[in-house]
Amino acid sequence: MNLFSSIFSSIRIPPTRKLKAGNIPLHIAIIMDGNGRWAQKRGLPRSAGHREGVKALRVVLRTCLELKVRYLTVYSFSSENWKRPTGEVNFLMDLFVESLSRYLGEMNKNGVRLRIIGDRDTIPGPTLKAFNNAEKITEKNERIFFNIALNYGSRQEILKSAKKLAGDLKDGNINPDDLDEKKFSNYLLTGDFPDPDLLIRTSGERRVSNFLLWQIAYTELYFTGTLWPDFGRNDLLKAVFDYQKRNRRFGKL
């Protein structure tokens, strides 16, 4: 049984809805939402939801490897999340370190290249050190590029990029007449990888929450009521099936 036959049988989708092997999203972005509500529904502390969220991410990453997705970008901690209770923020920063310690070897073995996108200046030292180490260890891997948006906000990213561009224009490093969307994109934190083909948001919310605003101009959006800790392999496959039914015209007729 090949990979795609296995996928069909595992999610029990009728033959008329077969996954098209040649139409897998090159780049999937995910807003992982619902950890707190998942825990609340079960009478558990929010920390339990975050721990389960890490497990869900591990499953999704494995599934992306199966499907040969080349880029996976996940929204793990926004620049607005610092407003949460201090105890929860500290827990999350420690959870990043713990999770990298536990799963980095597995990711490296599977050809995952990991990096963070976001403002590194205010990330706590131990957390930043753990990510810097993970980036160094996996820097030569090319099977999948796994981007973790940490202390990230898209408006802040665009503003910072615009300031850098303004400086280059002032210094004569770039000709204003040569500036286009592609050149501006190179100033963004995501400048060296393609825009997402598919953006998934879990938990039933239908907004993008300051995530990759420039990059998702033509991205297909998929919203699901499933809370992130419950989002598994079948859920991701269903999102890809839905993506494959769409006609991506990019403004054309």
C-alpha atoms as a PDB file:
ATOM      1  CA  MET A   1       0.000   0.000   0.000  1.00  0.00           C
ATOM      2  CA  ASN A   2       1.512   3.351  -1.007  1.00  0.00           C
ATOM      3  CA  LEU A   3       1.391   6.542   1.041  1.00  0.00           C
ATOM      4  CA  PHE A   4      -1.689   8.023  -0.571  1.00  0.00           C
ATOM      5  CA  SER A   5      -3.653   4.743  -0.469  1.00  0.00           C
ATOM      6  CA  SER A   6      -2.840   4.562   3.217  1.00  0.00           C
ATOM      7  CA  ILE A   7      -4.093   8.114   3.701  1.00  0.00           C
ATOM      8  CA  PHE A   8      -7.367   7.372   1.922  1.00  0.00           C
ATOM      9  CA  SER A   9      -8.087   4.325   4.041  1.00  0.00           C
ATOM     10  CA  SER A  10      -7.106   5.982   7.306  1.00  0.00           C
ATOM     11  CA  ILE A  11      -9.569   8.848   6.986  1.00  0.00           C
ATOM     12  CA  ARG A  12     -12.281   6.845   5.180  1.00  0.00           C
ATOM     13  CA  ILE A  13     -12.851   9.340   2.396  1.00  0.00           C
ATOM     14  CA  PRO A  14     -14.875   8.150  -0.615  1.00  0.00           C
ATOM     15  CA  PRO A  15     -12.839   7.342  -3.755  1.00  0.00           C
ATOM     16  CA  THR A  16     -14.213  10.436  -5.516  1.00  0.00           C
ATOM     17  CA  ARG A  17     -12.344  12.628  -3.041  1.00  0.00           C
ATOM     18  CA  LYS A  18      -8.906  11.167  -3.490  1.00  0.00           C
ATOM     19  CA  LEU A  19      -5.919  13.255  -2.573  1.00  0.00           C
ATOM     20  CA  LYS A  20      -4.057  14.554  -5.622  1.00  0.00           C
ATOM     21  CA  ALA A  21      -0.404  13.748  -5.119  1.00  0.00           C
ATOM     22  CA  GLY A  22       0.682  16.576  -7.421  1.00  0.00           C
ATOM     23  CA  ASN A  23      -1.320  19.263  -5.636  1.00  0.00           C
ATOM     24  CA  ILE A  24       0.048  19.255  -2.097  1.00  0.00           C
ATOM     25  CA  PRO A  25       0.536  22.747  -0.630  1.00  0.00           C
ATOM     26  CA  LEU A  26       4.181  23.740  -0.821  1.00  0.00           C
ATOM     27  CA  HIS A  27       3.821  25.886   2.287  1.00  0.00           C
ATOM     28  CA  ILE A  28       1.289  25.430   5.086  1.00  0.00           C
ATOM     29  CA  ALA A  29       0.846  28.032   7.826  1.00  0.00           C
ATOM     30  CA  ILE A  30      -1.113  27.325  11.007  1.00  0.00           C
ATOM     31  CA  ILE A  31      -2.583  29.515  13.737  1.00  0.00           C
ATOM     32  CA  MET A  32      -2.624  27.035  16.611  1.00  0.00           C
ATOM     33  CA  ASP A  33      -5.568  28.218  18.692  1.00  0.00           C
ATOM     34  CA  GLY A  34      -7.626  26.668  21.473  1.00  0.00           C
ATOM     35  CA  ASN A  35      -5.205  25.258  24.037  1.00  0.00           C
ATOM     36  CA  GLY A  36      -6.769  27.173  26.906  1.00  0.00           C
ATOM     37  CA  ARG A  37     -10.334  26.272  25.960  1.00  0.00           C
ATOM     38  CA  TRP A  38      -9.340  22.634  25.552  1.00  0.00           C
ATOM     39  CA  ALA A  39      -8.041  22.607  29.127  1.00  0.00           C
ATOM     40  CA  GLN A  40     -10.995  24.564  30.500  1.00  0.00           C
ATOM     41  CA  LYS A  41     -13.486  22.082  29.031  1.00  0.00           C
ATOM     42  CA  ARG A  42     -11.728  19.343  30.980  1.00  0.00           C
ATOM     43  CA  GLY A  43     -11.320  21.249  34.230  1.00  0.00           C
ATOM     44  CA  LEU A  44      -7.548  21.351  33.756  1.00  0.00           C
ATOM     45  CA  PRO A  45      -5.054  24.212  34.075  1.00  0.00           C
ATOM     46  CA  ARG A  46      -4.181  26.055  30.865  1.00  0.00           C
ATOM     47  CA  SER A  47      -0.699  24.563  31.063  1.00  0.00           C
ATOM     48  CA  ALA A  48      -2.199  21.136  30.342  1.00  0.00           C
ATOM     49  CA  GLY A  49      -3.668  22.497  27.114  1.00  0.00           C
ATOM     50  CA  HIS A  50      -0.315  23.894  26.062  1.00  0.00           C
ATOM     51  CA  ARG A  51       1.382  20.555  26.693  1.00  0.00           C
ATOM     52  CA  GLU A  52      -1.212  18.763  24.585  1.00  0.00           C
ATOM     53  CA  GLY A  53      -0.718  21.423  21.935  1.00  0.00           C
ATOM     54  CA  VAL A  54       2.942  20.436  21.640  1.00  0.00           C
ATOM     55  CA  LYS A  55       1.881  16.827  21.029  1.00  0.00           C
ATOM     56  CA  ALA A  56      -0.532  17.966  18.316  1.00  0.00           C
ATOM     57  CA  LEU A  57       2.218  19.946  16.620  1.00  0.00           C
ATOM     58  CA  ARG A  58       4.487  16.907  16.607  1.00  0.00           C
ATOM     59  CA  VAL A  59       1.766  14.894  14.818  1.00  0.00           C
ATOM     60  CA  VAL A  60       1.158  17.664  12.288  1.00  0.00           C
ATOM     61  CA  LEU A  61       4.871  17.982  11.546  1.00  0.00           C
ATOM     62  CA  ARG A  62       5.112  14.236  10.966  1.00  0.00           C
ATOM     63  CA  THR A  63       2.119  14.382   8.620  1.00  0.00           C
ATOM     64  CA  CYS A  64       3.688  17.233   6.671  1.00  0.00           C
ATOM     65  CA  LEU A  65       6.780  15.079   6.261  1.00  0.00           C
ATOM     66  CA  GLU A  66       4.582  12.260   4.925  1.00  0.00           C
ATOM     67  CA  LEU A  67       2.952  14.575   2.413  1.00  0.00           C
ATOM     68  CA  LYS A  68       6.279  16.106   1.414  1.00  0.00           C
ATOM     69  CA  VAL A  69       5.201  19.612   2.399  1.00  0.00           C
ATOM     70  CA  ARG A  70       8.317  21.761   2.082  1.00  0.00           C
ATOM     71  CA  TYR A  71       7.492  24.606   4.475  1.00  0.00           C
ATOM     72  CA  LEU A  72       5.494  24.640   7.702  1.00  0.00           C
ATOM     73  CA  THR A  73       5.064  27.902   9.619  1.00  0.00           C
ATOM     74  CA  VAL A  74       3.214  27.935  12.941  1.00  0.00           C
ATOM     75  CA  TYR A  75       2.086  30.822  15.122  1.00  0.00           C
ATOM     76  CA  SER A  76       3.278  29.828  18.565  1.00  0.00           C
ATOM     77  CA  PHE A  77       3.476  33.090  20.516  1.00  0.00           C
ATOM     78  CA  SER A  78       2.438  36.516  19.261  1.00  0.00           C
ATOM     79  CA  SER A  79       3.894  39.864  20.236  1.00  0.00           C
ATOM     80  CA  GLU A  80       0.549  40.510  21.975  1.00  0.00           C
ATOM     81  CA  ASN A  81       0.759  37.338  24.080  1.00  0.00           C
ATOM     82  CA  TRP A  82       3.040  39.044  26.582  1.00  0.00           C
ATOM     83  CA  LYS A  83      -0.166  40.554  27.986  1.00  0.00           C
ATOM     84  CA  ARG A  84      -1.173  37.150  29.346  1.00  0.00           C
ATOM     85  CA  PRO A  85      -0.627  36.342  33.047  1.00  0.00           C
ATOM     86  CA  THR A  86       3.054  36.223  33.942  1.00  0.00           C
ATOM     87  CA  GLY A  87       2.815  32.650  35.190  1.00  0.00           C
ATOM     88  CA  GLU A  88       1.416  31.427  31.878  1.00  0.00           C
ATOM     89  CA  VAL A  89       4.026  33.317  29.843  1.00  0.00           C
ATOM     90  CA  ASN A  90       6.849  31.906  31.955  1.00  0.00           C
ATOM     91  CA  PHE A  91       5.411  28.420  31.575  1.00  0.00           C
ATOM     92  CA  LEU A  92       5.293  28.781  27.791  1.00  0.00           C
ATOM     93  CA  MET A  93       8.884  29.996  27.606  1.00  0.00           C
ATOM     94  CA  ASP A  94       9.991  27.005  29.682  1.00  0.00           C
ATOM     95  CA  LEU A  95       7.845  24.681  27.567  1.00  0.00           C
ATOM     96  CA  PHE A  96       9.686  25.800  24.429  1.00  0.00           C
ATOM     97  CA  VAL A  97      12.985  24.836  26.048  1.00  0.00           C
ATOM     98  CA  GLU A  98      11.626  21.528  27.323  1.00  0.00           C
ATOM     99  CA  SER A  99      10.077  20.600  23.979  1.00  0.00           C
ATOM    100  CA  LEU A 100      13.242  21.376  22.040  1.00  0.00           C
ATOM    101  CA  SER A 101      15.257  19.268  24.458  1.00  0.00           C
ATOM    102  CA  ARG A 102      12.851  16.355  23.995  1.00  0.00           C
ATOM    103  CA  TYR A 103      12.209  16.487  20.234  1.00  0.00           C
ATOM    104  CA  LEU A 104      15.206  18.182  18.610  1.00  0.00           C
ATOM    105  CA  GLY A 105      17.014  14.892  17.990  1.00  0.00           C
ATOM    106  CA  GLU A 106      13.949  13.440  16.283  1.00  0.00           C
ATOM    107  CA  MET A 107      13.497  16.526  14.114  1.00  0.00           C
ATOM    108  CA  ASN A 108      17.140  16.571  13.103  1.00  0.00           C
ATOM    109  CA  LYS A 109      17.057  12.872  12.225  1.00  0.00           C
ATOM    110  CA  ASN A 110      14.002  13.457  10.015  1.00  0.00           C
ATOM    111  CA  GLY A 111      15.598  16.290   8.065  1.00  0.00           C
ATOM    112  CA  VAL A 112      13.703  19.157   9.686  1.00  0.00           C
ATOM    113  CA  ARG A 113      15.325  22.568   9.477  1.00  0.00           C
ATOM    114  CA  LEU A 114      14.000  24.676  12.336  1.00  0.00           C
ATOM    115  CA  ARG A 115      14.114  28.398  12.824  1.00  0.00           C
ATOM    116  CA  ILE A 116      12.190  31.114  14.595  1.00  0.00           C
ATOM    117  CA  ILE A 117      10.709  34.239  13.040  1.00  0.00           C
ATOM    118  CA  GLY A 118       9.906  37.178  15.265  1.00  0.00           C
ATOM    119  CA  ASP A 119      11.557  39.830  17.403  1.00  0.00           C
ATOM    120  CA  ARG A 120      14.403  38.069  19.184  1.00  0.00           C
ATOM    121  CA  ASP A 121      15.364  41.040  21.326  1.00  0.00           C
ATOM    122  CA  THR A 122      12.802  40.409  24.084  1.00  0.00           C
ATOM    123  CA  ILE A 123      12.737  36.598  24.087  1.00  0.00           C
ATOM    124  CA  PRO A 124      14.057  35.348  27.469  1.00  0.00           C
ATOM    125  CA  GLY A 125      17.691  34.251  27.371  1.00  0.00           C
ATOM    126  CA  PRO A 126      17.248  30.502  28.022  1.00  0.00           C
ATOM    127  CA  THR A 127      14.469  30.236  25.434  1.00  0.00           C
ATOM    128  CA  LEU A 128      16.426  32.128  22.792  1.00  0.00           C
ATOM    129  CA  LYS A 129      19.543  30.076  23.533  1.00  0.00           C
ATOM    130  CA  ALA A 130      17.589  26.837  23.037  1.00  0.00           C
ATOM    131  CA  PHE A 131      16.236  28.028  19.688  1.00  0.00           C
ATOM    132  CA  ASN A 132      19.622  29.320  18.549  1.00  0.00           C
ATOM    133  CA  ASN A 133      21.068  25.908  19.324  1.00  0.00           C
ATOM    134  CA  ALA A 134      18.258  24.150  17.439  1.00  0.00           C
ATOM    135  CA  GLU A 135      18.783  26.392  14.422  1.00  0.00           C
ATOM    136  CA  LYS A 136      22.510  25.636  14.434  1.00  0.00           C
ATOM    137  CA  ILE A 137      22.040  21.872  14.713  1.00  0.00           C
ATOM    138  CA  THR A 138      19.437  21.692  11.926  1.00  0.00           C
ATOM    139  CA  GLU A 139      20.813  24.366   9.596  1.00  0.00           C
ATOM    140  CA  LYS A 140      21.883  21.914   6.875  1.00  0.00           C
ATOM    141  CA  ASN A 141      18.601  19.973   6.769  1.00  0.00           C
ATOM    142  CA  GLU A 142      16.372  20.466   3.732  1.00  0.00           C
ATOM    143  CA  ARG A 143      13.548  17.925   3.916  1.00  0.00           C
ATOM    144  CA  ILE A 144      11.162  20.451   5.475  1.00  0.00           C
ATOM    145  CA  PHE A 145      11.639  24.036   6.638  1.00  0.00           C
ATOM    146  CA  PHE A 146       9.864  24.394   9.987  1.00  0.00           C
ATOM    147  CA  ASN A 147       9.338  28.018  11.021  1.00  0.00           C
ATOM    148  CA  ILE A 148       8.117  28.867  14.512  1.00  0.00           C
ATOM    149  CA  ALA A 149       6.683  32.374  14.834  1.00  0.00           C
ATOM    150  CA  LEU A 150       7.730  33.419  18.333  1.00  0.00           C
ATOM    151  CA  ASN A 151       7.232  36.952  19.650  1.00  0.00           C
ATOM    152  CA  TYR A 152       5.890  37.660  16.183  1.00  0.00           C
ATOM    153  CA  GLY A 153       3.497  40.316  14.939  1.00  0.00           C
ATOM    154  CA  SER A 154       2.992  40.983  11.245  1.00  0.00           C
ATOM    155  CA  ARG A 155       2.355  44.726  11.517  1.00  0.00           C
ATOM    156  CA  GLN A 156       5.539  45.062  13.544  1.00  0.00           C
ATOM    157  CA  GLU A 157       7.406  42.987  10.950  1.00  0.00           C
ATOM    158  CA  ILE A 158       6.181  45.174   8.074  1.00  0.00           C
ATOM    159  CA  LEU A 159       6.996  48.391   9.951  1.00  0.00           C
ATOM    160  CA  LYS A 160      10.510  47.189  10.792  1.00  0.00           C
ATOM    161  CA  SER A 161      11.042  46.112   7.181  1.00  0.00           C
ATOM    162  CA  ALA A 162       9.828  49.484   5.916  1.00  0.00           C
ATOM    163  CA  LYS A 163      12.293  51.270   8.191  1.00  0.00           C
ATOM    164  CA  LYS A 164      15.138  49.110   6.908  1.00  0.00           C
ATOM    165  CA  LEU A 165      14.048  49.757   3.324  1.00  0.00           C
ATOM    166  CA  ALA A 166      13.898  53.511   4.001  1.00  0.00           C
ATOM    167  CA  GLY A 167      17.465  53.375   5.256  1.00  0.00           C
ATOM    168  CA  ASP A 168      18.638  51.549   2.142  1.00  0.00           C
ATOM    169  CA  LEU A 169      16.849  54.071  -0.068  1.00  0.00           C
ATOM    170  CA  LYS A 170      18.453  56.953   1.815  1.00  0.00           C
ATOM    171  CA  ASP A 171      21.913  55.365   1.531  1.00  0.00           C
ATOM    172  CA  GLY A 172      21.447  54.666  -2.151  1.00  0.00           C
ATOM    173  CA  ASN A 173      21.603  50.910  -1.740  1.00  0.00           C
ATOM    174  CA  ILE A 174      18.413  50.478  -3.755  1.00  0.00           C
ATOM    175  CA  ASN A 175      16.917  52.472  -6.622  1.00  0.00           C
ATOM    176  CA  PRO A 176      13.294  53.490  -5.900  1.00  0.00           C
ATOM    177  CA  ASP A 177      12.384  52.672  -9.497  1.00  0.00           C
ATOM    178  CA  ASP A 178      13.552  49.098  -8.981  1.00  0.00           C
ATOM    179  CA  LEU A 179      11.386  48.511  -5.927  1.00  0.00           C
ATOM    180  CA  ASP A 180       8.598  45.977  -6.416  1.00  0.00           C
ATOM    181  CA  GLU A 181       6.667  43.455  -4.307  1.00  0.00           C
ATOM    182  CA  LYS A 182       9.361  40.803  -4.608  1.00  0.00           C
ATOM    183  CA  LYS A 183      12.124  43.144  -3.474  1.00  0.00           C
ATOM    184  CA  PHE A 184      10.034  44.370  -0.550  1.00  0.00           C
ATOM    185  CA  SER A 185       9.267  40.763   0.423  1.00  0.00           C
ATOM    186  CA  ASN A 186      12.997  40.184   0.777  1.00  0.00           C
ATOM    187  CA  TYR A 187      13.030  42.635   3.667  1.00  0.00           C
ATOM    188  CA  LEU A 188      10.538  40.532   5.614  1.00  0.00           C
ATOM    189  CA  LEU A 189      11.486  37.784   8.059  1.00  0.00           C
ATOM    190  CA  THR A 190      10.093  35.294   5.556  1.00  0.00           C
ATOM    191  CA  GLY A 191      12.033  36.694   2.603  1.00  0.00           C
ATOM    192  CA  ASP A 192      13.798  33.451   1.755  1.00  0.00           C
ATOM    193  CA  PHE A 193      10.768  31.182   1.520  1.00  0.00           C
ATOM    194  CA  PRO A 194       7.536  31.291  -0.516  1.00  0.00           C
ATOM    195  CA  ASP A 195       4.221  32.685   0.673  1.00  0.00           C
ATOM    196  CA  PRO A 196       1.850  30.144   2.259  1.00  0.00           C
ATOM    197  CA  ASP A 197      -0.465  28.230  -0.043  1.00  0.00           C
ATOM    198  CA  LEU A 198      -2.761  27.240   2.815  1.00  0.00           C
ATOM    199  CA  LEU A 199      -3.455  28.910   6.158  1.00  0.00           C
ATOM    200  CA  ILE A 200      -5.251  26.858   8.809  1.00  0.00           C
ATOM    201  CA  ARG A 201      -6.784  28.298  11.972  1.00  0.00           C
ATOM    202  CA  THR A 202      -8.211  26.050  14.645  1.00  0.00           C
ATOM    203  CA  SER A 203     -10.763  26.594  17.454  1.00  0.00           C
ATOM    204  CA  GLY A 204     -13.541  28.202  15.404  1.00  0.00           C
ATOM    205  CA  GLU A 205     -12.111  31.721  15.281  1.00  0.00           C
ATOM    206  CA  ARG A 206     -12.226  33.329  11.820  1.00  0.00           C
ATOM    207  CA  ARG A 207      -9.522  35.960  11.816  1.00  0.00           C
ATOM    208  CA  VAL A 208      -5.802  36.019  11.071  1.00  0.00           C
ATOM    209  CA  SER A 209      -4.708  37.862  14.238  1.00  0.00           C
ATOM    210  CA  ASN A 210      -1.725  39.797  12.898  1.00  0.00           C
ATOM    211  CA  PHE A 211      -0.119  36.722  11.318  1.00  0.00           C
ATOM    212  CA  LEU A 212       1.725  36.951   7.980  1.00  0.00           C
ATOM    213  CA  LEU A 213      -0.491  39.786   6.724  1.00  0.00           C
ATOM    214  CA  TRP A 214       1.672  40.590   3.695  1.00  0.00           C
ATOM    215  CA  GLN A 215       2.418  36.948   2.912  1.00  0.00           C
ATOM    216  CA  ILE A 216      -1.172  35.625   2.845  1.00  0.00           C
ATOM    217  CA  ALA A 217      -2.498  37.990   0.171  1.00  0.00           C
ATOM    218  CA  TYR A 218      -3.390  35.005  -2.063  1.00  0.00           C
ATOM    219  CA  THR A 219      -3.315  32.215   0.502  1.00  0.00           C
ATOM    220  CA  GLU A 220      -6.267  29.824   0.785  1.00  0.00           C
ATOM    221  CA  LEU A 221      -7.850  30.104   4.255  1.00  0.00           C
ATOM    222  CA  TYR A 222      -9.231  27.112   6.143  1.00  0.00           C
ATOM    223  CA  PHE A 223     -11.071  27.483   9.456  1.00  0.00           C
ATOM    224  CA  THR A 224     -12.037  24.598  11.690  1.00  0.00           C
ATOM    225  CA  GLY A 225     -13.825  24.427  15.027  1.00  0.00           C
ATOM    226  CA  THR A 226     -11.412  21.764  16.279  1.00  0.00           C
ATOM    227  CA  LEU A 227      -9.372  22.956  19.237  1.00  0.00           C
ATOM    228  CA  TRP A 228      -5.640  22.769  18.566  1.00  0.00           C
ATOM    229  CA  PRO A 229      -4.814  19.920  20.996  1.00  0.00           C
ATOM    230  CA  ASP A 230      -7.424  17.778  19.201  1.00  0.00           C
ATOM    231  CA  PHE A 231      -6.111  18.667  15.735  1.00  0.00           C
ATOM    232  CA  GLY A 232      -4.460  15.549  14.378  1.00  0.00           C
ATOM    233  CA  ARG A 233      -3.340  13.820  11.217  1.00  0.00           C
ATOM    234  CA  ASN A 234      -6.843  13.337   9.822  1.00  0.00           C
ATOM    235  CA  ASP A 235      -7.697  16.984  10.460  1.00  0.00           C
ATOM    236  CA  LEU A 236      -4.681  18.137   8.483  1.00  0.00           C
ATOM    237  CA  LEU A 237      -5.493  15.754   5.637  1.00  0.00           C
ATOM    238  CA  LYS A 238      -9.057  17.076   5.506  1.00  0.00           C
ATOM    239  CA  ALA A 239      -7.697  20.612   5.240  1.00  0.00           C
ATOM    240  CA  VAL A 240      -5.481  19.552   2.329  1.00  0.00           C
ATOM    241  CA  PHE A 241      -8.453  17.846   0.630  1.00  0.00           C
ATOM    242  CA  ASP A 242     -10.410  21.068   0.971  1.00  0.00           C
ATOM    243  CA  TYR A 243      -7.493  23.047  -0.461  1.00  0.00           C
ATOM    244  CA  GLN A 244      -7.330  20.754  -3.479  1.00  0.00           C
ATOM    245  CA  LYS A 245     -10.952  21.472  -4.362  1.00  0.00           C
ATOM    246  CA  ARG A 246     -10.267  25.185  -4.779  1.00  0.00           C
ATOM    247  CA  ASN A 247      -9.413  27.034  -7.977  1.00  0.00           C
ATOM    248  CA  ARG A 248      -6.485  29.347  -7.274  1.00  0.00           C
ATOM    249  CA  ARG A 249      -6.738  32.071  -9.923  1.00  0.00           C
ATOM    250  CA  PHE A 250      -4.484  34.750  -8.332  1.00  0.00           C
ATOM    251  CA  GLY A 251      -6.736  37.484  -9.717  1.00  0.00           C
ATOM    252  CA  LYS A 252      -7.096  35.917 -13.159  1.00  0.00           C
ATOM    253  CA  LEU A 253     -10.393  34.816 -14.758  1.00  0.00           C
END
